[in-house]
Amino acid sequence: MKPSSIVIAMREPNFIYQEGDKFGEVLGEAVVDRSRLDFASLVNTTGLDISKPIEYQRVRLKVISIESRTCQSMNMTEKGTFVYRDVLSGVECEILQ
């Protein structure tokens, strides 16, 4: 049997992608409800074009609405201080077929 030459791109499970590039990280819950997927927050979304489809865990999505946008957010925990840029909160998406 001959080895396959098919290449499968690896993706990190807590990140969103657009056109094959990483464009943000999921922070908090991601809830599926029928034909929708809602994110508590997407962080570090610099360069993301919300008019184009995004992908999360290989599911194609269209952003329908965003509750709020913040330029920068800080989260201080016992593990340290985390700084996030271009934070989108309450992101509602339609699952595309």
C-alpha atoms as a PDB file:
ATOM      1  CA  MET A   1       0.000   0.000   0.000  1.00  0.00           C
ATOM      2  CA  LYS A   2       1.301   3.422  -1.009  1.00  0.00           C
ATOM      3  CA  PRO A   3       1.386   6.257   1.589  1.00  0.00           C
ATOM      4  CA  SER A   4      -1.225   8.951   1.110  1.00  0.00           C
ATOM      5  CA  SER A   5      -0.131  12.430   0.070  1.00  0.00           C
ATOM      6  CA  ILE A   6      -3.209  14.106   1.543  1.00  0.00           C
ATOM      7  CA  VAL A   7      -2.379  16.885   3.998  1.00  0.00           C
ATOM      8  CA  ILE A   8      -4.873  17.790   6.722  1.00  0.00           C
ATOM      9  CA  ALA A   9      -4.396  21.188   8.348  1.00  0.00           C
ATOM     10  CA  MET A  10      -4.364  20.988  12.125  1.00  0.00           C
ATOM     11  CA  ARG A  11      -6.517  23.450  14.005  1.00  0.00           C
ATOM     12  CA  GLU A  12      -6.500  24.486  17.635  1.00  0.00           C
ATOM     13  CA  PRO A  13      -9.924  23.744  19.180  1.00  0.00           C
ATOM     14  CA  ASN A  14     -10.421  27.040  21.054  1.00  0.00           C
ATOM     15  CA  PHE A  15      -9.659  29.334  18.136  1.00  0.00           C
ATOM     16  CA  ILE A  16     -11.685  30.763  15.283  1.00  0.00           C
ATOM     17  CA  TYR A  17     -10.377  30.821  11.734  1.00  0.00           C
ATOM     18  CA  GLN A  18     -11.132  32.798   8.617  1.00  0.00           C
ATOM     19  CA  GLU A  19      -9.936  31.722   5.176  1.00  0.00           C
ATOM     20  CA  GLY A  20      -7.550  29.252   6.857  1.00  0.00           C
ATOM     21  CA  ASP A  21      -5.911  31.791   9.187  1.00  0.00           C
ATOM     22  CA  LYS A  22      -6.324  32.056  12.972  1.00  0.00           C
ATOM     23  CA  PHE A  23      -8.255  35.233  13.866  1.00  0.00           C
ATOM     24  CA  GLY A  24      -9.294  34.936  17.488  1.00  0.00           C
ATOM     25  CA  GLU A  25      -9.718  32.821  20.571  1.00  0.00           C
ATOM     26  CA  VAL A  26     -12.933  31.635  22.201  1.00  0.00           C
ATOM     27  CA  LEU A  27     -13.152  32.729  25.827  1.00  0.00           C
ATOM     28  CA  GLY A  28     -16.019  31.360  27.905  1.00  0.00           C
ATOM     29  CA  GLU A  29     -18.920  29.293  26.650  1.00  0.00           C
ATOM     30  CA  ALA A  30     -19.776  28.378  23.076  1.00  0.00           C
ATOM     31  CA  VAL A  31     -23.421  27.276  23.031  1.00  0.00           C
ATOM     32  CA  VAL A  32     -25.106  25.469  20.126  1.00  0.00           C
ATOM     33  CA  ASP A  33     -28.870  25.951  19.705  1.00  0.00           C
ATOM     34  CA  ARG A  34     -30.322  24.376  16.545  1.00  0.00           C
ATOM     35  CA  SER A  35     -28.913  26.420  13.664  1.00  0.00           C
ATOM     36  CA  ARG A  36     -27.012  28.890  15.876  1.00  0.00           C
ATOM     37  CA  LEU A  37     -23.769  28.953  17.787  1.00  0.00           C
ATOM     38  CA  ASP A  38     -23.318  31.710  20.366  1.00  0.00           C
ATOM     39  CA  PHE A  39     -19.997  32.717  21.925  1.00  0.00           C
ATOM     40  CA  ALA A  40     -19.656  34.427  25.312  1.00  0.00           C
ATOM     41  CA  SER A  41     -16.515  36.191  24.028  1.00  0.00           C
ATOM     42  CA  LEU A  42     -14.049  36.147  21.168  1.00  0.00           C
ATOM     43  CA  VAL A  43     -10.701  37.770  21.996  1.00  0.00           C
ATOM     44  CA  ASN A  44      -7.674  38.899  19.995  1.00  0.00           C
ATOM     45  CA  THR A  45      -9.795  39.308  16.870  1.00  0.00           C
ATOM     46  CA  THR A  46      -7.602  41.942  15.180  1.00  0.00           C
ATOM     47  CA  GLY A  47      -8.084  41.731  11.410  1.00  0.00           C
ATOM     48  CA  LEU A  48     -11.254  39.633  11.558  1.00  0.00           C
ATOM     49  CA  ASP A  49     -13.753  40.579   8.833  1.00  0.00           C
ATOM     50  CA  ILE A  50     -17.176  39.805  10.322  1.00  0.00           C
ATOM     51  CA  SER A  51     -18.840  40.164   6.902  1.00  0.00           C
ATOM     52  CA  LYS A  52     -17.079  36.928   5.826  1.00  0.00           C
ATOM     53  CA  PRO A  53     -17.706  33.406   7.204  1.00  0.00           C
ATOM     54  CA  ILE A  54     -15.621  32.162  10.129  1.00  0.00           C
ATOM     55  CA  GLU A  55     -14.843  28.597  11.244  1.00  0.00           C
ATOM     56  CA  TYR A  56     -14.887  27.099  14.723  1.00  0.00           C
ATOM     57  CA  GLN A  57     -13.959  23.434  15.145  1.00  0.00           C
ATOM     58  CA  ARG A  58     -14.485  22.964  11.382  1.00  0.00           C
ATOM     59  CA  VAL A  59     -18.024  24.416  11.505  1.00  0.00           C
ATOM     60  CA  ARG A  60     -18.645  27.339   9.125  1.00  0.00           C
ATOM     61  CA  LEU A  61     -20.436  30.275  10.727  1.00  0.00           C
ATOM     62  CA  LYS A  62     -21.842  33.659   9.769  1.00  0.00           C
ATOM     63  CA  VAL A  63     -21.757  36.383  12.437  1.00  0.00           C
ATOM     64  CA  ILE A  64     -25.297  37.709  12.932  1.00  0.00           C
ATOM     65  CA  SER A  65     -24.810  40.078  15.855  1.00  0.00           C
ATOM     66  CA  ILE A  66     -22.304  41.269  18.453  1.00  0.00           C
ATOM     67  CA  GLU A  67     -23.494  42.551  21.819  1.00  0.00           C
ATOM     68  CA  SER A  68     -20.401  44.682  22.489  1.00  0.00           C
ATOM     69  CA  ARG A  69     -16.866  45.452  21.328  1.00  0.00           C
ATOM     70  CA  THR A  70     -13.938  46.437  23.511  1.00  0.00           C
ATOM     71  CA  CYS A  71     -10.481  47.493  22.352  1.00  0.00           C
ATOM     72  CA  GLN A  72      -8.716  45.917  25.318  1.00  0.00           C
ATOM     73  CA  SER A  73      -9.650  43.829  28.338  1.00  0.00           C
ATOM     74  CA  MET A  74      -7.596  42.657  31.328  1.00  0.00           C
ATOM     75  CA  ASN A  75      -8.287  39.565  33.428  1.00  0.00           C
ATOM     76  CA  MET A  76      -6.314  39.262  36.664  1.00  0.00           C
ATOM     77  CA  THR A  77      -6.165  35.773  38.202  1.00  0.00           C
ATOM     78  CA  GLU A  78      -3.911  33.847  40.560  1.00  0.00           C
ATOM     79  CA  LYS A  79      -2.133  32.566  37.420  1.00  0.00           C
ATOM     80  CA  GLY A  80      -1.305  36.082  36.281  1.00  0.00           C
ATOM     81  CA  THR A  81      -2.729  38.970  34.309  1.00  0.00           C
ATOM     82  CA  PHE A  82      -4.093  38.291  30.847  1.00  0.00           C
ATOM     83  CA  VAL A  83      -4.528  41.123  28.354  1.00  0.00           C
ATOM     84  CA  TYR A  84      -6.902  40.623  25.426  1.00  0.00           C
ATOM     85  CA  ARG A  85      -7.282  42.903  22.411  1.00  0.00           C
ATOM     86  CA  ASP A  86     -10.266  43.460  20.144  1.00  0.00           C
ATOM     87  CA  VAL A  87     -12.762  41.667  22.376  1.00  0.00           C
ATOM     88  CA  LEU A  88     -16.187  40.765  20.955  1.00  0.00           C
ATOM     89  CA  SER A  89     -18.799  39.809  23.569  1.00  0.00           C
ATOM     90  CA  GLY A  90     -22.169  38.145  23.067  1.00  0.00           C
ATOM     91  CA  VAL A  91     -21.400  36.947  19.530  1.00  0.00           C
ATOM     92  CA  GLU A  92     -24.362  35.283  17.817  1.00  0.00           C
ATOM     93  CA  CYS A  93     -23.637  33.172  14.715  1.00  0.00           C
ATOM     94  CA  GLU A  94     -25.683  31.234  12.178  1.00  0.00           C
ATOM     95  CA  ILE A  95     -24.355  27.766  11.309  1.00  0.00           C
ATOM     96  CA  LEU A  96     -23.801  27.553   7.538  1.00  0.00           C
ATOM     97  CA  GLN A  97     -24.353  24.330   5.595  1.00  0.00           C
END
